[in-house]
PDB file of N, CA and C in Angstrom:
ATOM      1  N   MET A   1       9.616  66.442 -27.938  1.00  0.00           N
ATOM      2  CA  MET A   1       9.745  65.864 -26.346  1.00  0.00           C
ATOM      3  C   MET A   1      10.591  64.564 -26.672  1.00  0.00           C
ATOM      4  N   PHE A   2      11.716  64.229 -25.315  1.00  0.00           N
ATOM      5  CA  PHE A   2      12.325  63.066 -25.303  1.00  0.00           C
ATOM      6  C   PHE A   2      11.875  61.767 -24.896  1.00  0.00           C
ATOM      7  N   GLY A   3      11.474  60.853 -25.777  1.00  0.00           N
ATOM      8  CA  GLY A   3      11.178  59.672 -25.028  1.00  0.00           C
ATOM      9  C   GLY A   3      11.530  58.417 -24.836  1.00  0.00           C
ATOM     10  N   LEU A   4      10.656  57.502 -24.549  1.00  0.00           N
ATOM     11  CA  LEU A   4      11.693  55.877 -23.998  1.00  0.00           C
ATOM     12  C   LEU A   4      12.406  55.694 -25.245  1.00  0.00           C
ATOM     13  N   SER A   5      11.235  55.841 -26.010  1.00  0.00           N
ATOM     14  CA  SER A   5      11.968  55.327 -27.404  1.00  0.00           C
ATOM     15  C   SER A   5      13.190  56.238 -27.906  1.00  0.00           C
ATOM     16  N   ASP A   6      13.010  57.241 -27.827  1.00  0.00           N
ATOM     17  CA  ASP A   6      14.460  58.167 -27.927  1.00  0.00           C
ATOM     18  C   ASP A   6      16.064  57.165 -27.028  1.00  0.00           C
ATOM     19  N   LEU A   7      15.437  57.756 -25.661  1.00  0.00           N
ATOM     20  CA  LEU A   7      16.145  57.205 -25.107  1.00  0.00           C
ATOM     21  C   LEU A   7      16.992  55.505 -25.304  1.00  0.00           C
ATOM     22  N   LYS A   8      16.360  54.408 -25.822  1.00  0.00           N
ATOM     23  CA  LYS A   8      16.927  53.403 -26.240  1.00  0.00           C
ATOM     24  C   LYS A   8      17.657  53.217 -27.050  1.00  0.00           C
ATOM     25  N   GLN A   9      17.541  54.719 -28.209  1.00  0.00           N
ATOM     26  CA  GLN A   9      18.290  54.443 -29.003  1.00  0.00           C
ATOM     27  C   GLN A   9      19.412  55.210 -29.256  1.00  0.00           C
ATOM     28  N   SER A  10      19.822  56.171 -27.922  1.00  0.00           N
ATOM     29  CA  SER A  10      21.237  57.129 -27.935  1.00  0.00           C
ATOM     30  C   SER A  10      21.798  55.541 -27.306  1.00  0.00           C
ATOM     31  N   LYS A  11      23.090  56.986 -27.929  1.00  0.00           N
ATOM     32  CA  LYS A  11      24.609  55.873 -27.730  1.00  0.00           C
ATOM     33  C   LYS A  11      25.181  55.420 -25.867  1.00  0.00           C
ATOM     34  N   VAL A  12      24.356  56.220 -24.826  1.00  0.00           N
ATOM     35  CA  VAL A  12      24.687  55.898 -23.779  1.00  0.00           C
ATOM     36  C   VAL A  12      23.541  54.727 -23.431  1.00  0.00           C
ATOM     37  N   TYR A  13      22.726  54.808 -23.936  1.00  0.00           N
ATOM     38  CA  TYR A  13      21.873  53.888 -23.256  1.00  0.00           C
ATOM     39  C   TYR A  13      22.248  52.171 -23.852  1.00  0.00           C
ATOM     40  N   GLN A  14      22.665  52.436 -24.895  1.00  0.00           N
ATOM     41  CA  GLN A  14      23.268  51.367 -25.987  1.00  0.00           C
ATOM     42  C   GLN A  14      24.347  50.889 -24.912  1.00  0.00           C
ATOM     43  N   GLU A  15      25.364  51.235 -25.467  1.00  0.00           N
ATOM     44  CA  GLU A  15      26.265  50.982 -24.249  1.00  0.00           C
ATOM     45  C   GLU A  15      26.281  50.726 -22.938  1.00  0.00           C
ATOM     46  N   ALA A  16      25.007  50.881 -22.264  1.00  0.00           N
ATOM     47  CA  ALA A  16      24.894  50.532 -21.084  1.00  0.00           C
ATOM     48  C   ALA A  16      24.392  49.180 -20.822  1.00  0.00           C
ATOM     49  N   LYS A  17      23.466  48.864 -21.553  1.00  0.00           N
ATOM     50  CA  LYS A  17      22.665  47.669 -22.176  1.00  0.00           C
ATOM     51  C   LYS A  17      24.200  46.419 -22.549  1.00  0.00           C
ATOM     52  N   GLU A  18      24.662  46.552 -23.483  1.00  0.00           N
ATOM     53  CA  GLU A  18      26.124  45.634 -23.708  1.00  0.00           C
ATOM     54  C   GLU A  18      26.689  45.660 -22.270  1.00  0.00           C
ATOM     55  N   GLU A  19      26.845  46.974 -21.439  1.00  0.00           N
ATOM     56  CA  GLU A  19      27.808  46.786 -20.610  1.00  0.00           C
ATOM     57  C   GLU A  19      27.031  45.218 -19.602  1.00  0.00           C
ATOM     58  N   GLY A  20      26.086  45.896 -19.087  1.00  0.00           N
ATOM     59  CA  GLY A  20      24.611  44.975 -18.706  1.00  0.00           C
ATOM     60  C   GLY A  20      25.260  43.348 -18.972  1.00  0.00           C
ATOM     61  N   LYS A  21      24.914  43.447 -20.838  1.00  0.00           N
ATOM     62  CA  LYS A  21      24.948  41.644 -21.256  1.00  0.00           C
ATOM     63  C   LYS A  21      26.598  40.931 -20.594  1.00  0.00           C
ATOM     64  N   LEU A  22      27.668  41.541 -21.222  1.00  0.00           N
ATOM     65  CA  LEU A  22      28.702  41.375 -20.640  1.00  0.00           C
ATOM     66  C   LEU A  22      29.106  40.965 -19.541  1.00  0.00           C
ATOM     67  N   GLU A  23      28.597  41.712 -18.161  1.00  0.00           N
ATOM     68  CA  GLU A  23      28.535  41.104 -16.816  1.00  0.00           C
ATOM     69  C   GLU A  23      28.103  39.947 -16.545  1.00  0.00           C
ATOM     70  N   GLY A  24      26.664  40.271 -17.184  1.00  0.00           N
ATOM     71  CA  GLY A  24      25.741  38.802 -16.610  1.00  0.00           C
ATOM     72  C   GLY A  24      26.615  37.777 -16.963  1.00  0.00           C
ATOM     73  N   LYS A  25      27.287  37.837 -18.696  1.00  0.00           N
ATOM     74  CA  LYS A  25      27.919  36.718 -19.242  1.00  0.00           C
ATOM     75  C   LYS A  25      28.986  36.059 -18.030  1.00  0.00           C
ATOM     76  N   LEU A  26      29.674  37.192 -17.485  1.00  0.00           N
ATOM     77  CA  LEU A  26      30.755  36.937 -16.814  1.00  0.00           C
ATOM     78  C   LEU A  26      30.247  36.834 -15.623  1.00  0.00           C
ATOM     79  N   GLU A  27      29.599  36.739 -14.842  1.00  0.00           N
ATOM     80  CA  GLU A  27      28.722  37.000 -13.521  1.00  0.00           C
ATOM     81  C   GLU A  27      28.413  34.663 -13.662  1.00  0.00           C
ATOM     82  N   GLY A  28      27.732  34.757 -14.781  1.00  0.00           N
ATOM     83  CA  GLY A  28      27.111  33.006 -14.851  1.00  0.00           C
ATOM     84  C   GLY A  28      27.925  32.189 -14.947  1.00  0.00           C
ATOM     85  N   LYS A  29      29.432  32.437 -16.031  1.00  0.00           N
ATOM     86  CA  LYS A  29      30.292  31.967 -16.221  1.00  0.00           C
ATOM     87  C   LYS A  29      31.021  31.717 -14.173  1.00  0.00           C
ATOM     88  N   LEU A  30      31.438  32.895 -13.625  1.00  0.00           N
ATOM     89  CA  LEU A  30      31.854  33.028 -12.505  1.00  0.00           C
ATOM     90  C   LEU A  30      30.864  31.286 -11.522  1.00  0.00           C
ATOM     91  N   GLU A  31      29.732  31.771 -11.648  1.00  0.00           N
ATOM     92  CA  GLU A  31      28.945  31.362 -10.679  1.00  0.00           C
ATOM     93  C   GLU A  31      29.549  29.709 -11.296  1.00  0.00           C
ATOM     94  N   GLY A  32      28.958  29.655 -12.819  1.00  0.00           N
ATOM     95  CA  GLY A  32      29.090  28.252 -13.174  1.00  0.00           C
ATOM     96  C   GLY A  32      30.571  27.006 -12.822  1.00  0.00           C
ATOM     97  N   LYS A  33      31.390  28.526 -12.527  1.00  0.00           N
ATOM     98  CA  LYS A  33      32.593  27.426 -12.436  1.00  0.00           C
ATOM     99  C   LYS A  33      32.459  27.009 -10.670  1.00  0.00           C
ATOM    100  N   LEU A  34      32.083  28.057 -10.095  1.00  0.00           N
ATOM    101  CA  LEU A  34      32.415  27.816  -8.558  1.00  0.00           C
ATOM    102  C   LEU A  34      31.147  27.025  -8.089  1.00  0.00           C
ATOM    103  N   GLU A  35      30.415  26.868  -8.894  1.00  0.00           N
ATOM    104  CA  GLU A  35      28.902  25.844  -8.812  1.00  0.00           C
ATOM    105  C   GLU A  35      29.499  24.461  -8.821  1.00  0.00           C
ATOM    106  N   GLY A  36      30.390  24.282  -9.952  1.00  0.00           N
ATOM    107  CA  GLY A  36      30.714  22.859 -10.460  1.00  0.00           C
ATOM    108  C   GLY A  36      32.056  22.040  -9.731  1.00  0.00           C
ATOM    109  N   LYS A  37      32.766  23.287  -9.272  1.00  0.00           N
ATOM    110  CA  LYS A  37      34.300  23.213  -8.279  1.00  0.00           C
ATOM    111  C   LYS A  37      33.391  22.580  -7.208  1.00  0.00           C
ATOM    112  N   LEU A  38      32.853  23.453  -6.581  1.00  0.00           N
ATOM    113  CA  LEU A  38      31.933  22.582  -5.285  1.00  0.00           C
ATOM    114  C   LEU A  38      30.967  21.176  -5.696  1.00  0.00           C
ATOM    115  N   GLU A  39      30.777  21.356  -6.387  1.00  0.00           N
ATOM    116  CA  GLU A  39      30.044  19.606  -6.975  1.00  0.00           C
ATOM    117  C   GLU A  39      31.297  18.920  -7.042  1.00  0.00           C
ATOM    118  N   GLY A  40      32.340  19.385  -7.348  1.00  0.00           N
ATOM    119  CA  GLY A  40      33.445  18.272  -7.682  1.00  0.00           C
ATOM    120  C   GLY A  40      33.712  18.311  -6.266  1.00  0.00           C
ATOM    121  N   LYS A  41      34.836  19.122  -5.442  1.00  0.00           N
ATOM    122  CA  LYS A  41      34.414  18.563  -4.078  1.00  0.00           C
ATOM    123  C   LYS A  41      33.524  17.993  -3.303  1.00  0.00           C
ATOM    124  N   LEU A  42      32.564  18.387  -3.228  1.00  0.00           N
ATOM    125  CA  LEU A  42      31.290  17.470  -2.502  1.00  0.00           C
ATOM    126  C   LEU A  42      32.162  16.023  -3.330  1.00  0.00           C
ATOM    127  N   GLU A  43      31.306  15.253  -4.755  1.00  0.00           N
ATOM    128  CA  GLU A  43      31.458  14.295  -5.045  1.00  0.00           C
ATOM    129  C   GLU A  43      32.889  13.285  -4.667  1.00  0.00           C
ATOM    130  N   GLY A  44      33.946  14.305  -4.539  1.00  0.00           N
ATOM    131  CA  GLY A  44      35.213  13.510  -4.052  1.00  0.00           C
ATOM    132  C   GLY A  44      35.163  12.930  -2.658  1.00  0.00           C
ATOM    133  N   LYS A  45      34.644  14.003  -2.046  1.00  0.00           N
ATOM    134  CA  LYS A  45      34.424  13.814  -0.653  1.00  0.00           C
ATOM    135  C   LYS A  45      33.645  12.398  -0.005  1.00  0.00           C
ATOM    136  N   LEU A  46      32.168  12.038  -1.182  1.00  0.00           N
ATOM    137  CA  LEU A  46      31.622  11.028  -0.800  1.00  0.00           C
ATOM    138  C   LEU A  46      32.290  10.007  -1.266  1.00  0.00           C
ATOM    139  N   GLU A  47      32.896  10.275  -2.555  1.00  0.00           N
ATOM    140  CA  GLU A  47      33.927   8.766  -3.144  1.00  0.00           C
ATOM    141  C   GLU A  47      34.923   8.483  -2.086  1.00  0.00           C
ATOM    142  N   GLY A  48      35.463   9.649  -1.533  1.00  0.00           N
ATOM    143  CA  GLY A  48      36.534   9.093  -0.420  1.00  0.00           C
ATOM    144  C   GLY A  48      35.938   8.151   1.113  1.00  0.00           C
ATOM    145  N   LYS A  49      35.040   9.289   1.563  1.00  0.00           N
ATOM    146  CA  LYS A  49      34.383   8.194   2.352  1.00  0.00           C
ATOM    147  C   LYS A  49      33.590   6.590   1.927  1.00  0.00           C
ATOM    148  N   LEU A  50      33.407   6.513   0.849  1.00  0.00           N
ATOM    149  CA  LEU A  50      32.883   5.282   0.627  1.00  0.00           C
ATOM    150  C   LEU A  50      33.873   4.054   0.236  1.00  0.00           C
ATOM    151  N   GLU A  51      34.842   4.624  -0.185  1.00  0.00           N
ATOM    152  CA  GLU A  51      36.348   3.599  -0.308  1.00  0.00           C
ATOM    153  C   GLU A  51      36.964   3.479   1.231  1.00  0.00           C
ATOM    154  N   GLY A  52      37.210   4.669   1.395  1.00  0.00           N
ATOM    155  CA  GLY A  52      37.441   4.215   2.954  1.00  0.00           C
ATOM    156  C   GLY A  52      36.717   2.918   3.634  1.00  0.00           C
ATOM    157  N   LYS A  53      35.233   2.936   3.343  1.00  0.00           N
ATOM    158  CA  LYS A  53      34.442   2.068   4.351  1.00  0.00           C
ATOM    159  C   LYS A  53      34.441   0.567   3.635  1.00  0.00           C
ATOM    160  N   LEU A  54      34.591   0.718   2.214  1.00  0.00           N
ATOM    161  CA  LEU A  54      34.595  -0.634   1.864  1.00  0.00           C
ATOM    162  C   LEU A  54      36.175  -0.835   2.242  1.00  0.00           C
ATOM    163  N   GLU A  55      36.974  -0.261   2.461  1.00  0.00           N
ATOM    164  CA  GLU A  55      38.902  -1.023   2.873  1.00  0.00           C
ATOM    165  C   GLU A  55      38.199  -1.645   4.122  1.00  0.00           C
ATOM    166  N   THR A  56      37.554  -0.940   5.170  1.00  0.00           N
ATOM    167  CA  THR A  56      37.374  -1.626   5.964  1.00  0.00           C
ATOM    168  C   THR A  56      36.931  -2.869   6.205  1.00  0.00           C
ATOM    169  N   VAL A  57      35.269  -3.338   5.460  1.00  0.00           N
ATOM    170  CA  VAL A  57      34.357  -4.316   5.143  1.00  0.00           C
ATOM    171  C   VAL A  57      35.626  -5.825   5.652  1.00  0.00           C
ATOM    172  N   PRO A  58      37.046  -6.178   5.074  1.00  0.00           N
ATOM    173  CA  PRO A  58      37.810  -7.454   5.393  1.00  0.00           C
ATOM    174  C   PRO A  58      38.189  -6.793   6.679  1.00  0.00           C
ATOM    175  N   LEU A  59      38.221  -5.746   7.054  1.00  0.00           N
ATOM    176  CA  LEU A  59      39.128  -6.390   8.382  1.00  0.00           C
ATOM    177  C   LEU A  59      37.523  -6.692   9.679  1.00  0.00           C
ATOM    178  N   LEU A  60      36.844  -6.257   9.019  1.00  0.00           N
ATOM    179  CA  LEU A  60      35.314  -6.456  10.060  1.00  0.00           C
ATOM    180  C   LEU A  60      35.050  -7.994   9.349  1.00  0.00           C
ATOM    181  N   LEU A  61      34.856  -7.708   8.696  1.00  0.00           N
ATOM    182  CA  LEU A  61      34.728  -9.545   8.277  1.00  0.00           C
ATOM    183  C   LEU A  61      36.028 -10.427   9.212  1.00  0.00           C
ATOM    184  N   GLN A  62      36.919  -9.997   8.881  1.00  0.00           N
ATOM    185  CA  GLN A  62      38.454 -10.996   9.951  1.00  0.00           C
ATOM    186  C   GLN A  62      37.721 -10.871  11.216  1.00  0.00           C
ATOM    187  N   LEU A  63      36.859  -9.901  11.612  1.00  0.00           N
ATOM    188  CA  LEU A  63      36.771  -9.775  13.543  1.00  0.00           C
ATOM    189  C   LEU A  63      35.352 -10.477  13.599  1.00  0.00           C
ATOM    190  N   GLY A  64      34.815 -11.299  12.052  1.00  0.00           N
ATOM    191  CA  GLY A  64      33.319 -11.994  12.450  1.00  0.00           C
ATOM    192  C   GLY A  64      32.227 -11.629  12.474  1.00  0.00           C
ATOM    193  N   LEU A  65      32.230  -9.610  11.823  1.00  0.00           N
ATOM    194  CA  LEU A  65      30.917  -9.368  11.888  1.00  0.00           C
ATOM    195  C   LEU A  65      30.031 -10.228  10.566  1.00  0.00           C
ATOM    196  N   THR A  66      28.820 -10.579  10.456  1.00  0.00           N
ATOM    197  CA  THR A  66      28.639 -10.835   8.753  1.00  0.00           C
ATOM    198  C   THR A  66      28.247  -9.605   7.742  1.00  0.00           C
ATOM    199  N   VAL A  67      27.986  -9.782   7.114  1.00  0.00           N
ATOM    200  CA  VAL A  67      27.860  -8.872   6.072  1.00  0.00           C
ATOM    201  C   VAL A  67      26.940  -8.021   6.224  1.00  0.00           C
ATOM    202  N   GLU A  68      25.749  -8.524   6.712  1.00  0.00           N
ATOM    203  CA  GLU A  68      24.374  -7.535   6.884  1.00  0.00           C
ATOM    204  C   GLU A  68      24.611  -6.569   8.559  1.00  0.00           C
ATOM    205  N   GLN A  69      26.155  -7.350   9.242  1.00  0.00           N
ATOM    206  CA  GLN A  69      25.623  -6.534  10.578  1.00  0.00           C
ATOM    207  C   GLN A  69      26.619  -5.414  10.108  1.00  0.00           C
ATOM    208  N   ILE A  70      27.637  -5.771   9.086  1.00  0.00           N
ATOM    209  CA  ILE A  70      28.416  -4.459   8.536  1.00  0.00           C
ATOM    210  C   ILE A  70      27.894  -3.645   6.948  1.00  0.00           C
ATOM    211  N   ALA A  71      26.894  -3.535   6.912  1.00  0.00           N
ATOM    212  CA  ALA A  71      26.583  -2.844   6.080  1.00  0.00           C
ATOM    213  C   ALA A  71      25.650  -2.179   7.327  1.00  0.00           C
ATOM    214  N   GLU A  72      24.642  -2.931   8.209  1.00  0.00           N
ATOM    215  CA  GLU A  72      24.172  -1.855   8.588  1.00  0.00           C
ATOM    216  C   GLU A  72      24.966  -0.855   9.796  1.00  0.00           C
ATOM    217  N   ARG A  73      26.196  -1.190  10.149  1.00  0.00           N
ATOM    218  CA  ARG A  73      26.754  -0.793  11.058  1.00  0.00           C
ATOM    219  C   ARG A  73      27.470   0.868  10.348  1.00  0.00           C
ATOM    220  N   LEU A  74      27.499   0.567   8.282  1.00  0.00           N
ATOM    221  CA  LEU A  74      28.491   1.549   8.216  1.00  0.00           C
ATOM    222  C   LEU A  74      27.661   2.340   7.568  1.00  0.00           C
ATOM    223  N   ASP A  75      26.554   1.977   6.771  1.00  0.00           N
ATOM    224  CA  ASP A  75      24.951   2.087   6.552  1.00  0.00           C
ATOM    225  C   ASP A  75      25.343   2.167   4.938  1.00  0.00           C
ATOM    226  N   LEU A  76      25.611   1.242   4.542  1.00  0.00           N
ATOM    227  CA  LEU A  76      25.475   1.119   3.321  1.00  0.00           C
ATOM    228  C   LEU A  76      24.786  -0.576   3.281  1.00  0.00           C
ATOM    229  N   LYS A  77      24.488  -0.678   1.505  1.00  0.00           N
ATOM    230  CA  LYS A  77      23.781  -1.362   1.121  1.00  0.00           C
ATOM    231  C   LYS A  77      24.576  -2.983   0.950  1.00  0.00           C
ATOM    232  N   LEU A  78      23.808  -3.801   1.483  1.00  0.00           N
ATOM    233  CA  LEU A  78      24.246  -5.085   1.375  1.00  0.00           C
ATOM    234  C   LEU A  78      24.814  -5.367   0.598  1.00  0.00           C
ATOM    235  N   GLU A  79      24.496  -5.411  -1.122  1.00  0.00           N
ATOM    236  CA  GLU A  79      25.048  -5.760  -2.169  1.00  0.00           C
ATOM    237  C   GLU A  79      26.203  -5.282  -2.301  1.00  0.00           C
ATOM    238  N   THR A  80      26.603  -3.858  -1.527  1.00  0.00           N
ATOM    239  CA  THR A  80      27.720  -2.862  -2.354  1.00  0.00           C
ATOM    240  C   THR A  80      28.692  -3.980  -1.324  1.00  0.00           C
ATOM    241  N   VAL A  81      28.428  -4.367  -0.210  1.00  0.00           N
ATOM    242  CA  VAL A  81      29.049  -4.757   1.085  1.00  0.00           C
ATOM    243  C   VAL A  81      29.416  -5.872   0.673  1.00  0.00           C
ATOM    244  N   LYS A  82      28.877  -7.104  -0.112  1.00  0.00           N
ATOM    245  CA  LYS A  82      28.762  -7.972  -0.432  1.00  0.00           C
ATOM    246  C   LYS A  82      29.567  -8.348  -1.247  1.00  0.00           C
ATOM    247  N   LYS A  83      29.449  -7.457  -2.591  1.00  0.00           N
ATOM    248  CA  LYS A  83      30.628  -6.995  -3.470  1.00  0.00           C
ATOM    249  C   LYS A  83      32.224  -6.935  -2.939  1.00  0.00           C
ATOM    250  N   ALA A  84      32.438  -6.001  -1.531  1.00  0.00           N
ATOM    251  CA  ALA A  84      33.317  -5.561  -1.305  1.00  0.00           C
ATOM    252  C   ALA A  84      33.768  -6.536  -0.718  1.00  0.00           C
ATOM    253  N   ALA A  85      33.460  -7.509  -0.114  1.00  0.00           N
ATOM    254  CA  ALA A  85      33.307  -9.225   0.307  1.00  0.00           C
ATOM    255  C   ALA A  85      34.322  -9.658  -0.528  1.00  0.00           C
ATOM    256  N   GLN A  86      33.408 -10.274  -1.704  1.00  0.00           N
ATOM    257  CA  GLN A  86      34.040 -11.001  -3.043  1.00  0.00           C
ATOM    258  C   GLN A  86      35.867 -10.727  -3.479  1.00  0.00           C
ATOM    259  N   GLN A  87      35.914  -9.408  -3.264  1.00  0.00           N
ATOM    260  CA  GLN A  87      36.956  -8.268  -3.574  1.00  0.00           C
ATOM    261  C   GLN A  87      37.979  -8.774  -2.633  1.00  0.00           C
ATOM    262  N   GLN A  88      37.912  -9.312  -1.636  1.00  0.00           N
ATOM    263  CA  GLN A  88      38.884  -8.871  -0.840  1.00  0.00           C
ATOM    264  C   GLN A  88      40.082 -10.247  -1.457  1.00  0.00           C
TER     265      GLN A  88
END
């Protein structure tokens, strides 16, 4: 009788098992690359938004807003706004 252990020892089973392993590795690599790419894009967008906000700090100070008001309006930490104000 042909049993499970016999099937696992067959050439067809071994080849299919190897093929499955290779496909799994490829899928994992592709998913990892895509995930990394998306994370990079998101991080870049967030950095760009922050940079844009920080560039407006000196302009808002010239308009007479306080650092507290700027932090509140731009949704930034007060310390971040203070640092940006000192760097102008």
